[in-house]
Amino acid sequence: MSENTSKLEIMDFWAEWCGPCHAMKPIIEELEKTYEGKVIFTKINVDEQPELGDKMNVRSIPTMFFKKGDKIVDQIVGAVPKDHLVAKIEEHLK
């Protein structure tokens, strides 16, 4: 998790074996470039950091939490189209 609390952070919980996670990877990578300097993308492998997944109550992957400061403001569970993810990002950048 990022130390910078002034920006929107997207915590992306994923695993190497997760097909939908791999489907989201190119979308996330593209959005990282598009929103560079505005949004922090943090990838969390649930196999490598199971305690964080448990703490965040992640029951299905991919799961993305939208965080502002110390507060979770939204989440998406499952693979979604790029435009859905962009709409969520734009909503929370306002």
N, C-alpha and C. Protein backbone atom coordinates (compact mmCIF):
# COMPACT_ATOMS: atom_id res chain seq x y z
N MET A 1 0.84 -1.18 0.00
CA MET A 1 0.00 0.00 0.00
C MET A 1 0.88 1.24 0.00
N SER A 2 0.44 2.21 -0.67
CA SER A 2 1.23 3.41 -0.87
C SER A 2 1.22 4.32 0.34
N GLU A 3 2.33 5.07 0.49
CA GLU A 3 2.44 6.05 1.56
C GLU A 3 1.78 7.36 1.15
N ASN A 4 1.62 7.61 -0.16
CA ASN A 4 1.07 8.86 -0.64
C ASN A 4 -0.45 8.83 -0.51
N THR A 5 -0.99 9.64 0.42
CA THR A 5 -2.43 9.57 0.69
C THR A 5 -3.23 10.59 -0.09
N SER A 6 -2.56 11.46 -0.86
CA SER A 6 -3.30 12.50 -1.58
C SER A 6 -3.85 12.00 -2.93
N LYS A 7 -3.37 10.90 -3.42
CA LYS A 7 -3.79 10.38 -4.72
C LYS A 7 -4.72 9.19 -4.55
N LEU A 8 -5.47 8.93 -5.60
CA LEU A 8 -6.28 7.73 -5.66
C LEU A 8 -5.35 6.54 -5.84
N GLU A 9 -5.56 5.51 -5.06
CA GLU A 9 -4.79 4.28 -5.20
C GLU A 9 -5.75 3.15 -5.56
N ILE A 10 -5.35 2.34 -6.53
CA ILE A 10 -6.11 1.15 -6.88
C ILE A 10 -5.27 -0.05 -6.48
N MET A 11 -5.80 -0.79 -5.52
CA MET A 11 -5.14 -2.00 -5.04
C MET A 11 -5.71 -3.18 -5.82
N ASP A 12 -4.88 -3.77 -6.66
CA ASP A 12 -5.30 -4.84 -7.56
C ASP A 12 -4.86 -6.19 -6.99
N PHE A 13 -5.80 -6.95 -6.44
CA PHE A 13 -5.52 -8.28 -5.90
C PHE A 13 -5.67 -9.29 -7.02
N TRP A 14 -4.63 -10.10 -7.25
CA TRP A 14 -4.58 -11.01 -8.38
C TRP A 14 -3.75 -12.24 -8.00
N ALA A 15 -3.68 -13.22 -8.92
CA ALA A 15 -2.81 -14.39 -8.77
C ALA A 15 -2.35 -14.84 -10.15
N GLU A 16 -1.21 -15.48 -10.18
CA GLU A 16 -0.61 -15.94 -11.44
C GLU A 16 -1.53 -16.93 -12.17
N TRP A 17 -2.23 -17.75 -11.44
CA TRP A 17 -3.07 -18.80 -12.02
C TRP A 17 -4.46 -18.31 -12.44
N CYS A 18 -4.77 -17.05 -12.20
CA CYS A 18 -6.12 -16.50 -12.41
C CYS A 18 -6.29 -16.00 -13.84
N GLY A 19 -7.11 -16.68 -14.63
CA GLY A 19 -7.37 -16.28 -16.01
C GLY A 19 -7.95 -14.88 -16.14
N PRO A 20 -9.01 -14.55 -15.39
CA PRO A 20 -9.56 -13.19 -15.47
C PRO A 20 -8.54 -12.11 -15.07
N CYS A 21 -7.63 -12.45 -14.16
CA CYS A 21 -6.58 -11.50 -13.76
C CYS A 21 -5.68 -11.20 -14.96
N HIS A 22 -5.34 -12.24 -15.71
CA HIS A 22 -4.50 -12.06 -16.89
C HIS A 22 -5.24 -11.26 -17.97
N ALA A 23 -6.54 -11.43 -18.05
CA ALA A 23 -7.34 -10.66 -19.01
C ALA A 23 -7.32 -9.17 -18.65
N MET A 24 -7.26 -8.86 -17.37
CA MET A 24 -7.25 -7.46 -16.91
C MET A 24 -5.86 -6.82 -17.00
N LYS A 25 -4.82 -7.62 -17.05
CA LYS A 25 -3.45 -7.10 -17.00
C LYS A 25 -3.15 -6.03 -18.06
N PRO A 26 -3.44 -6.26 -19.36
CA PRO A 26 -3.13 -5.22 -20.35
C PRO A 26 -3.96 -3.95 -20.15
N ILE A 27 -5.17 -4.10 -19.64
CA ILE A 27 -6.01 -2.93 -19.36
C ILE A 27 -5.39 -2.11 -18.24
N ILE A 28 -4.99 -2.78 -17.17
CA ILE A 28 -4.36 -2.11 -16.03
C ILE A 28 -3.08 -1.42 -16.47
N GLU A 29 -2.26 -2.12 -17.26
CA GLU A 29 -0.99 -1.54 -17.71
C GLU A 29 -1.23 -0.29 -18.56
N GLU A 30 -2.24 -0.31 -19.41
CA GLU A 30 -2.56 0.85 -20.23
C GLU A 30 -3.03 2.02 -19.35
N LEU A 31 -3.87 1.72 -18.36
CA LEU A 31 -4.39 2.76 -17.49
C LEU A 31 -3.30 3.34 -16.58
N GLU A 32 -2.32 2.51 -16.23
CA GLU A 32 -1.18 3.03 -15.45
C GLU A 32 -0.47 4.15 -16.22
N LYS A 33 -0.33 3.98 -17.52
CA LYS A 33 0.31 5.00 -18.35
C LYS A 33 -0.61 6.21 -18.50
N THR A 34 -1.89 5.97 -18.76
CA THR A 34 -2.86 7.05 -18.95
C THR A 34 -2.97 7.94 -17.71
N TYR A 35 -2.98 7.32 -16.53
CA TYR A 35 -3.19 8.06 -15.29
C TYR A 35 -1.91 8.25 -14.47
N GLU A 36 -0.78 8.15 -15.13
CA GLU A 36 0.50 8.33 -14.44
C GLU A 36 0.51 9.70 -13.75
N GLY A 37 0.88 9.70 -12.49
CA GLY A 37 0.92 10.93 -11.71
C GLY A 37 -0.40 11.28 -11.05
N LYS A 38 -1.48 10.59 -11.43
CA LYS A 38 -2.80 10.86 -10.87
C LYS A 38 -3.33 9.71 -10.03
N VAL A 39 -3.00 8.48 -10.46
CA VAL A 39 -3.49 7.27 -9.79
C VAL A 39 -2.31 6.35 -9.52
N ILE A 40 -2.28 5.79 -8.32
CA ILE A 40 -1.26 4.82 -7.96
C ILE A 40 -1.88 3.42 -8.09
N PHE A 41 -1.27 2.58 -8.89
CA PHE A 41 -1.72 1.20 -9.05
C PHE A 41 -0.79 0.29 -8.25
N THR A 42 -1.37 -0.47 -7.33
CA THR A 42 -0.60 -1.39 -6.50
C THR A 42 -1.09 -2.80 -6.77
N LYS A 43 -0.19 -3.66 -7.26
CA LYS A 43 -0.55 -5.05 -7.54
C LYS A 43 -0.21 -5.90 -6.32
N ILE A 44 -1.17 -6.71 -5.87
CA ILE A 44 -0.97 -7.56 -4.71
C ILE A 44 -1.29 -9.00 -5.10
N ASN A 45 -0.25 -9.84 -5.14
CA ASN A 45 -0.41 -11.25 -5.45
C ASN A 45 -0.92 -11.95 -4.19
N VAL A 46 -2.13 -12.50 -4.25
CA VAL A 46 -2.73 -13.11 -3.07
C VAL A 46 -2.01 -14.37 -2.61
N ASP A 47 -1.25 -15.00 -3.51
CA ASP A 47 -0.47 -16.18 -3.11
C ASP A 47 0.79 -15.77 -2.34
N GLU A 48 1.32 -14.60 -2.65
CA GLU A 48 2.52 -14.11 -1.98
C GLU A 48 2.20 -13.29 -0.73
N GLN A 49 1.01 -12.70 -0.68
CA GLN A 49 0.60 -11.89 0.47
C GLN A 49 -0.81 -12.27 0.94
N PRO A 50 -0.98 -13.55 1.37
CA PRO A 50 -2.32 -13.99 1.76
C PRO A 50 -2.89 -13.24 2.96
N GLU A 51 -2.01 -12.77 3.84
CA GLU A 51 -2.50 -12.05 5.03
C GLU A 51 -3.18 -10.74 4.65
N LEU A 52 -2.68 -10.07 3.62
CA LEU A 52 -3.31 -8.82 3.18
C LEU A 52 -4.66 -9.09 2.51
N GLY A 53 -4.71 -10.16 1.72
CA GLY A 53 -5.98 -10.56 1.13
C GLY A 53 -7.01 -10.89 2.19
N ASP A 54 -6.58 -11.58 3.24
CA ASP A 54 -7.47 -11.91 4.36
C ASP A 54 -7.93 -10.64 5.08
N LYS A 55 -6.98 -9.75 5.33
CA LYS A 55 -7.29 -8.50 6.03
C LYS A 55 -8.33 -7.67 5.25
N MET A 56 -8.22 -7.68 3.93
CA MET A 56 -9.13 -6.91 3.08
C MET A 56 -10.39 -7.70 2.72
N ASN A 57 -10.49 -8.93 3.23
CA ASN A 57 -11.65 -9.78 2.99
C ASN A 57 -11.85 -10.10 1.51
N VAL A 58 -10.75 -10.34 0.81
CA VAL A 58 -10.80 -10.70 -0.61
C VAL A 58 -11.23 -12.16 -0.72
N ARG A 59 -12.36 -12.40 -1.38
CA ARG A 59 -12.89 -13.75 -1.52
C ARG A 59 -12.88 -14.23 -2.96
N SER A 60 -12.64 -13.32 -3.89
CA SER A 60 -12.62 -13.65 -5.31
C SER A 60 -11.62 -12.71 -5.99
N ILE A 61 -10.95 -13.21 -7.01
CA ILE A 61 -10.02 -12.36 -7.74
C ILE A 61 -10.34 -12.42 -9.22
N PRO A 62 -10.04 -11.36 -9.94
CA PRO A 62 -9.43 -10.13 -9.45
C PRO A 62 -10.40 -9.29 -8.61
N THR A 63 -9.86 -8.63 -7.62
CA THR A 63 -10.59 -7.64 -6.83
C THR A 63 -9.75 -6.38 -6.81
N MET A 64 -10.39 -5.25 -7.08
CA MET A 64 -9.70 -3.97 -7.05
C MET A 64 -10.38 -3.06 -6.04
N PHE A 65 -9.59 -2.57 -5.09
CA PHE A 65 -10.09 -1.61 -4.11
C PHE A 65 -9.61 -0.23 -4.53
N PHE A 66 -10.50 0.75 -4.43
CA PHE A 66 -10.17 2.14 -4.71
C PHE A 66 -10.00 2.82 -3.36
N LYS A 67 -8.82 3.36 -3.13
CA LYS A 67 -8.49 3.91 -1.82
C LYS A 67 -8.09 5.38 -1.95
N LYS A 68 -8.65 6.21 -1.07
CA LYS A 68 -8.26 7.62 -0.97
C LYS A 68 -7.91 7.86 0.49
N GLY A 69 -6.67 8.27 0.72
CA GLY A 69 -6.22 8.40 2.10
C GLY A 69 -6.25 7.04 2.76
N ASP A 70 -6.86 6.96 3.91
CA ASP A 70 -6.95 5.69 4.63
C ASP A 70 -8.29 4.99 4.41
N LYS A 71 -9.08 5.51 3.48
CA LYS A 71 -10.44 5.01 3.31
C LYS A 71 -10.64 4.30 1.97
N ILE A 72 -11.25 3.11 2.02
CA ILE A 72 -11.65 2.40 0.81
C ILE A 72 -12.95 3.06 0.35
N VAL A 73 -12.94 3.60 -0.87
CA VAL A 73 -14.10 4.34 -1.37
C VAL A 73 -14.92 3.56 -2.39
N ASP A 74 -14.36 2.45 -2.89
CA ASP A 74 -15.09 1.66 -3.89
C ASP A 74 -14.34 0.35 -4.11
N GLN A 75 -14.97 -0.57 -4.80
CA GLN A 75 -14.29 -1.80 -5.19
C GLN A 75 -14.96 -2.40 -6.41
N ILE A 76 -14.18 -3.18 -7.14
CA ILE A 76 -14.67 -3.94 -8.28
C ILE A 76 -14.21 -5.37 -8.08
N VAL A 77 -15.13 -6.32 -8.24
CA VAL A 77 -14.79 -7.73 -8.13
C VAL A 77 -15.03 -8.36 -9.50
N GLY A 78 -14.00 -9.04 -9.99
CA GLY A 78 -14.11 -9.71 -11.28
C GLY A 78 -13.54 -8.88 -12.41
N ALA A 79 -13.41 -9.50 -13.56
CA ALA A 79 -12.92 -8.81 -14.75
C ALA A 79 -14.04 -7.92 -15.29
N VAL A 80 -13.67 -6.70 -15.65
CA VAL A 80 -14.65 -5.74 -16.17
C VAL A 80 -14.09 -5.09 -17.43
N PRO A 81 -14.96 -4.54 -18.27
CA PRO A 81 -14.47 -3.84 -19.46
C PRO A 81 -13.69 -2.58 -19.07
N LYS A 82 -12.79 -2.18 -19.93
CA LYS A 82 -11.96 -1.00 -19.70
C LYS A 82 -12.80 0.23 -19.39
N ASP A 83 -13.88 0.45 -20.15
CA ASP A 83 -14.68 1.66 -19.94
C ASP A 83 -15.32 1.70 -18.56
N HIS A 84 -15.64 0.55 -18.00
CA HIS A 84 -16.19 0.48 -16.64
C HIS A 84 -15.14 0.92 -15.62
N LEU A 85 -13.93 0.44 -15.79
CA LEU A 85 -12.84 0.80 -14.90
C LEU A 85 -12.50 2.29 -15.03
N VAL A 86 -12.46 2.79 -16.25
CA VAL A 86 -12.19 4.22 -16.49
C VAL A 86 -13.26 5.07 -15.82
N ALA A 87 -14.53 4.68 -15.92
CA ALA A 87 -15.62 5.44 -15.31
C ALA A 87 -15.45 5.51 -13.80
N LYS A 88 -15.05 4.40 -13.19
CA LYS A 88 -14.81 4.37 -11.73
C LYS A 88 -13.65 5.28 -11.36
N ILE A 89 -12.58 5.21 -12.13
CA ILE A 89 -11.42 6.06 -11.85
C ILE A 89 -11.82 7.53 -11.94
N GLU A 90 -12.48 7.90 -13.02
CA GLU A 90 -12.87 9.29 -13.22
C GLU A 90 -13.81 9.77 -12.10
N GLU A 91 -14.71 8.91 -11.68
CA GLU A 91 -15.63 9.25 -10.59
C GLU A 91 -14.87 9.62 -9.32
N HIS A 92 -13.80 8.89 -9.03
CA HIS A 92 -13.07 9.10 -7.79
C HIS A 92 -11.94 10.13 -7.91
N LEU A 93 -11.68 10.58 -9.10
CA LEU A 93 -10.69 11.66 -9.28
C LEU A 93 -11.33 13.04 -9.12
N LYS A 94 -12.65 13.10 -9.10
CA LYS A 94 -13.37 14.39 -8.99
C LYS A 94 -13.20 14.99 -7.60
